[in-house]
Amino acid sequence: MAAQATAIAVREAGPDDLGLLLPLFERFYAEEGFEGAVAGVAENLRQILARDDTAAFVACAGEDAVGAAAASTSFGLEVGLYAELEDLFVDPVWRAKGAASALVEAVADWARDKGCSDIEIVLTPHALAKASLVPWYEARGFVETGRVIYERAL
């Protein structure tokens, strides 16, 4: 069925959705240049689907999974409980058809229901290099904070 002829439905995923989500997240990490992370995605996704402080969402067009998002909550002194939109991926054929926006809103609703004060997203240099991505997030209410993330592996 043609992409434009099928409505997109988004829902929170459960453990039985691992097989729908895994290929999407593996493609996301490969596309973003994080091939080394692909090996751990399956186990981490199992954890996300099982925990109360994390969630995954799937966008479906009919029976086909066309997009996915993952989110987590954290607690900080500055803002209290907040959420992070960890990952967002839509199959290239389905981009610009509303799946990503619907996934963002599903994550926002989940975060609001958890009592989060805000939702954050970290954009990688690869993501920032896509000229349309920052304006896309800004159109959905995200604002640049000027913060830089440093990471230390443990």
C-alpha atoms as a PDB file:
ATOM      1  CA  MET A   1       0.000   0.000   0.000  1.00  0.00           C
ATOM      2  CA  ALA A   2       1.308   3.489  -0.779  1.00  0.00           C
ATOM      3  CA  ALA A   3       2.689   5.457   2.153  1.00  0.00           C
ATOM      4  CA  GLN A   4       0.342   8.390   1.603  1.00  0.00           C
ATOM      5  CA  ALA A   5      -2.768   6.166   1.570  1.00  0.00           C
ATOM      6  CA  THR A   6      -2.261   4.594   5.012  1.00  0.00           C
ATOM      7  CA  ALA A   7      -2.936   6.275   8.349  1.00  0.00           C
ATOM      8  CA  ILE A   8      -0.224   6.156  10.980  1.00  0.00           C
ATOM      9  CA  ALA A   9      -1.082   4.981  14.487  1.00  0.00           C
ATOM     10  CA  VAL A  10       1.300   5.379  17.437  1.00  0.00           C
ATOM     11  CA  ARG A  11       1.159   3.406  20.658  1.00  0.00           C
ATOM     12  CA  GLU A  12       3.340   2.582  23.621  1.00  0.00           C
ATOM     13  CA  ALA A  13       5.145  -0.668  22.939  1.00  0.00           C
ATOM     14  CA  GLY A  14       5.262  -3.709  25.175  1.00  0.00           C
ATOM     15  CA  PRO A  15       7.656  -6.650  25.489  1.00  0.00           C
ATOM     16  CA  ASP A  16       5.896  -8.459  22.631  1.00  0.00           C
ATOM     17  CA  ASP A  17       6.859  -5.603  20.300  1.00  0.00           C
ATOM     18  CA  LEU A  18      10.601  -6.264  20.502  1.00  0.00           C
ATOM     19  CA  GLY A  19      10.611  -7.793  17.014  1.00  0.00           C
ATOM     20  CA  LEU A  20       8.874  -4.725  15.533  1.00  0.00           C
ATOM     21  CA  LEU A  21      11.137  -2.203  17.223  1.00  0.00           C
ATOM     22  CA  LEU A  22      14.565  -3.811  17.065  1.00  0.00           C
ATOM     23  CA  PRO A  23      15.133  -3.457  13.289  1.00  0.00           C
ATOM     24  CA  LEU A  24      14.080   0.197  13.432  1.00  0.00           C
ATOM     25  CA  PHE A  25      16.428   1.081  16.301  1.00  0.00           C
ATOM     26  CA  GLU A  26      19.290  -0.867  14.726  1.00  0.00           C
ATOM     27  CA  ARG A  27      18.799   1.095  11.499  1.00  0.00           C
ATOM     28  CA  PHE A  28      18.688   4.326  13.495  1.00  0.00           C
ATOM     29  CA  TYR A  29      22.027   3.667  15.176  1.00  0.00           C
ATOM     30  CA  ALA A  30      23.644   2.609  11.912  1.00  0.00           C
ATOM     31  CA  GLU A  31      22.289   5.712  10.133  1.00  0.00           C
ATOM     32  CA  GLU A  32      23.542   7.985  12.930  1.00  0.00           C
ATOM     33  CA  GLY A  33      27.031   6.487  12.709  1.00  0.00           C
ATOM     34  CA  PHE A  34      26.899   4.524  15.967  1.00  0.00           C
ATOM     35  CA  GLU A  35      27.456   1.055  14.496  1.00  0.00           C
ATOM     36  CA  GLY A  36      29.329   0.022  17.660  1.00  0.00           C
ATOM     37  CA  ALA A  37      26.160   0.492  19.709  1.00  0.00           C
ATOM     38  CA  VAL A  38      24.035  -1.794  17.534  1.00  0.00           C
ATOM     39  CA  ALA A  39      25.258  -4.930  19.321  1.00  0.00           C
ATOM     40  CA  GLY A  40      23.763  -3.757  22.638  1.00  0.00           C
ATOM     41  CA  VAL A  41      20.475  -2.461  21.303  1.00  0.00           C
ATOM     42  CA  ALA A  42      18.518  -5.726  21.699  1.00  0.00           C
ATOM     43  CA  GLU A  43      19.290  -6.175  25.395  1.00  0.00           C
ATOM     44  CA  ASN A  44      18.848  -2.489  26.176  1.00  0.00           C
ATOM     45  CA  LEU A  45      15.536  -2.446  24.327  1.00  0.00           C
ATOM     46  CA  ARG A  46      14.345  -5.439  26.377  1.00  0.00           C
ATOM     47  CA  GLN A  47      15.151  -3.421  29.506  1.00  0.00           C
ATOM     48  CA  ILE A  48      13.360  -0.321  28.197  1.00  0.00           C
ATOM     49  CA  LEU A  49      10.247  -2.383  27.487  1.00  0.00           C
ATOM     50  CA  ALA A  50      10.304  -3.882  30.994  1.00  0.00           C
ATOM     51  CA  ARG A  51      11.081  -0.857  33.201  1.00  0.00           C
ATOM     52  CA  ASP A  52       8.641   1.648  34.696  1.00  0.00           C
ATOM     53  CA  ASP A  53      10.918   4.662  34.162  1.00  0.00           C
ATOM     54  CA  THR A  54      11.449   4.045  30.430  1.00  0.00           C
ATOM     55  CA  ALA A  55       9.207   3.439  27.447  1.00  0.00           C
ATOM     56  CA  ALA A  56       9.306   2.728  23.743  1.00  0.00           C
ATOM     57  CA  PHE A  57       6.737   3.720  21.167  1.00  0.00           C
ATOM     58  CA  VAL A  58       5.957   2.300  17.759  1.00  0.00           C
ATOM     59  CA  ALA A  59       4.384   4.032  14.776  1.00  0.00           C
ATOM     60  CA  CYS A  60       2.487   1.651  12.523  1.00  0.00           C
ATOM     61  CA  ALA A  61       0.999   2.015   9.088  1.00  0.00           C
ATOM     62  CA  GLY A  62      -1.395  -0.873   8.930  1.00  0.00           C
ATOM     63  CA  GLU A  63       0.588  -3.899  10.106  1.00  0.00           C
ATOM     64  CA  ASP A  64       3.976  -2.351   9.283  1.00  0.00           C
ATOM     65  CA  ALA A  65       6.145  -0.695  11.930  1.00  0.00           C
ATOM     66  CA  VAL A  66       7.419   2.492  10.270  1.00  0.00           C
ATOM     67  CA  GLY A  67       8.868   4.413  13.215  1.00  0.00           C
ATOM     68  CA  ALA A  68       9.992   4.113  16.802  1.00  0.00           C
ATOM     69  CA  ALA A  69      10.937   6.256  19.772  1.00  0.00           C
ATOM     70  CA  ALA A  70      12.459   5.533  23.168  1.00  0.00           C
ATOM     71  CA  ALA A  71      12.246   7.672  26.282  1.00  0.00           C
ATOM     72  CA  SER A  72      13.427   7.659  29.862  1.00  0.00           C
ATOM     73  CA  THR A  73      12.858   9.679  32.996  1.00  0.00           C
ATOM     74  CA  SER A  74      15.420  11.110  35.349  1.00  0.00           C
ATOM     75  CA  PHE A  75      15.412  13.354  38.386  1.00  0.00           C
ATOM     76  CA  GLY A  76      17.567  16.416  38.790  1.00  0.00           C
ATOM     77  CA  LEU A  77      17.961  19.196  41.307  1.00  0.00           C
ATOM     78  CA  GLU A  78      17.224  21.921  38.758  1.00  0.00           C
ATOM     79  CA  VAL A  79      13.951  20.648  37.261  1.00  0.00           C
ATOM     80  CA  GLY A  80      12.911  17.641  39.321  1.00  0.00           C
ATOM     81  CA  LEU A  81      11.488  14.765  37.306  1.00  0.00           C
ATOM     82  CA  TYR A  82      12.050  15.151  33.577  1.00  0.00           C
ATOM     83  CA  ALA A  83      12.044  12.978  30.478  1.00  0.00           C
ATOM     84  CA  GLU A  84      14.489  12.518  27.666  1.00  0.00           C
ATOM     85  CA  LEU A  85      13.457  11.562  24.179  1.00  0.00           C
ATOM     86  CA  GLU A  86      16.365   9.164  23.752  1.00  0.00           C
ATOM     87  CA  ASP A  87      15.890   7.978  20.197  1.00  0.00           C
ATOM     88  CA  LEU A  88      13.549   8.774  17.332  1.00  0.00           C
ATOM     89  CA  PHE A  89      13.590   7.004  13.989  1.00  0.00           C
ATOM     90  CA  VAL A  90      11.200   6.856  11.049  1.00  0.00           C
ATOM     91  CA  ASP A  91      11.757   4.727   7.962  1.00  0.00           C
ATOM     92  CA  PRO A  92      12.876   7.089   5.177  1.00  0.00           C
ATOM     93  CA  VAL A  93       9.855   6.146   3.022  1.00  0.00           C
ATOM     94  CA  TRP A  94       7.569   7.374   5.805  1.00  0.00           C
ATOM     95  CA  ARG A  95       9.353  10.620   6.680  1.00  0.00           C
ATOM     96  CA  ALA A  96       7.410  13.878   6.390  1.00  0.00           C
ATOM     97  CA  LYS A  97       4.107  12.020   6.743  1.00  0.00           C
ATOM     98  CA  GLY A  98       3.437  12.697  10.441  1.00  0.00           C
ATOM     99  CA  ALA A  99       4.963   9.618  12.080  1.00  0.00           C
ATOM    100  CA  ALA A 100       7.785  11.468  13.835  1.00  0.00           C
ATOM    101  CA  SER A 101       5.480  14.210  15.105  1.00  0.00           C
ATOM    102  CA  ALA A 102       3.055  11.605  16.415  1.00  0.00           C
ATOM    103  CA  LEU A 103       5.904   9.779  18.164  1.00  0.00           C
ATOM    104  CA  VAL A 104       7.110  13.011  19.802  1.00  0.00           C
ATOM    105  CA  GLU A 105       3.591  13.739  21.057  1.00  0.00           C
ATOM    106  CA  ALA A 106       3.193  10.187  22.391  1.00  0.00           C
ATOM    107  CA  VAL A 107       6.450  10.576  24.338  1.00  0.00           C
ATOM    108  CA  ALA A 108       5.313  13.995  25.621  1.00  0.00           C
ATOM    109  CA  ASP A 109       1.993  12.532  26.787  1.00  0.00           C
ATOM    110  CA  TRP A 110       3.813   9.654  28.528  1.00  0.00           C
ATOM    111  CA  ALA A 111       6.193  12.099  30.230  1.00  0.00           C
ATOM    112  CA  ARG A 112       3.323  14.332  31.327  1.00  0.00           C
ATOM    113  CA  ASP A 113       1.492  11.305  32.757  1.00  0.00           C
ATOM    114  CA  LYS A 114       4.660  10.376  34.689  1.00  0.00           C
ATOM    115  CA  GLY A 115       4.709  13.873  36.234  1.00  0.00           C
ATOM    116  CA  CYS A 116       7.725  15.174  34.320  1.00  0.00           C
ATOM    117  CA  SER A 117       8.377  18.910  34.228  1.00  0.00           C
ATOM    118  CA  ASP A 118       9.849  18.866  30.725  1.00  0.00           C
ATOM    119  CA  ILE A 119      11.174  16.717  27.939  1.00  0.00           C
ATOM    120  CA  GLU A 120      14.687  16.997  26.559  1.00  0.00           C
ATOM    121  CA  ILE A 121      16.507  15.686  23.526  1.00  0.00           C
ATOM    122  CA  VAL A 122      20.209  15.469  22.766  1.00  0.00           C
ATOM    123  CA  LEU A 123      21.142  16.119  19.160  1.00  0.00           C
ATOM    124  CA  THR A 124      24.327  14.502  17.906  1.00  0.00           C
ATOM    125  CA  PRO A 125      26.694  16.279  15.509  1.00  0.00           C
ATOM    126  CA  HIS A 126      25.288  14.019  12.766  1.00  0.00           C
ATOM    127  CA  ALA A 127      21.764  15.184  13.599  1.00  0.00           C
ATOM    128  CA  LEU A 128      22.816  18.833  13.800  1.00  0.00           C
ATOM    129  CA  ALA A 129      24.352  18.559  10.335  1.00  0.00           C
ATOM    130  CA  LYS A 130      20.870  17.924   8.916  1.00  0.00           C
ATOM    131  CA  ALA A 131      19.740  21.474   8.141  1.00  0.00           C
ATOM    132  CA  SER A 132      16.049  20.762   8.638  1.00  0.00           C
ATOM    133  CA  LEU A 133      16.233  18.888  11.947  1.00  0.00           C
ATOM    134  CA  VAL A 134      16.733  21.770  14.402  1.00  0.00           C
ATOM    135  CA  PRO A 135      13.844  23.810  12.938  1.00  0.00           C
ATOM    136  CA  TRP A 136      11.721  20.636  12.976  1.00  0.00           C
ATOM    137  CA  TYR A 137      12.266  20.192  16.727  1.00  0.00           C
ATOM    138  CA  GLU A 138      11.790  23.908  17.369  1.00  0.00           C
ATOM    139  CA  ALA A 139       8.432  23.734  15.586  1.00  0.00           C
ATOM    140  CA  ARG A 140       7.446  21.099  18.142  1.00  0.00           C
ATOM    141  CA  GLY A 141       8.303  23.291  21.133  1.00  0.00           C
ATOM    142  CA  PHE A 142      11.911  22.326  21.816  1.00  0.00           C
ATOM    143  CA  VAL A 143      14.353  25.169  22.532  1.00  0.00           C
ATOM    144  CA  GLU A 144      18.142  25.164  22.418  1.00  0.00           C
ATOM    145  CA  THR A 145      19.569  25.524  25.934  1.00  0.00           C
ATOM    146  CA  GLY A 146      23.213  26.194  25.152  1.00  0.00           C
ATOM    147  CA  ARG A 147      24.306  23.196  27.181  1.00  0.00           C
ATOM    148  CA  VAL A 148      26.995  20.822  26.004  1.00  0.00           C
ATOM    149  CA  ILE A 149      27.057  17.186  27.072  1.00  0.00           C
ATOM    150  CA  TYR A 150      30.311  15.547  28.050  1.00  0.00           C
ATOM    151  CA  GLU A 151      30.399  11.811  28.600  1.00  0.00           C
ATOM    152  CA  ARG A 152      32.653   9.542  30.619  1.00  0.00           C
ATOM    153  CA  ALA A 153      32.437   5.811  30.065  1.00  0.00           C
ATOM    154  CA  LEU A 154      32.375   3.649  33.194  1.00  0.00           C
END
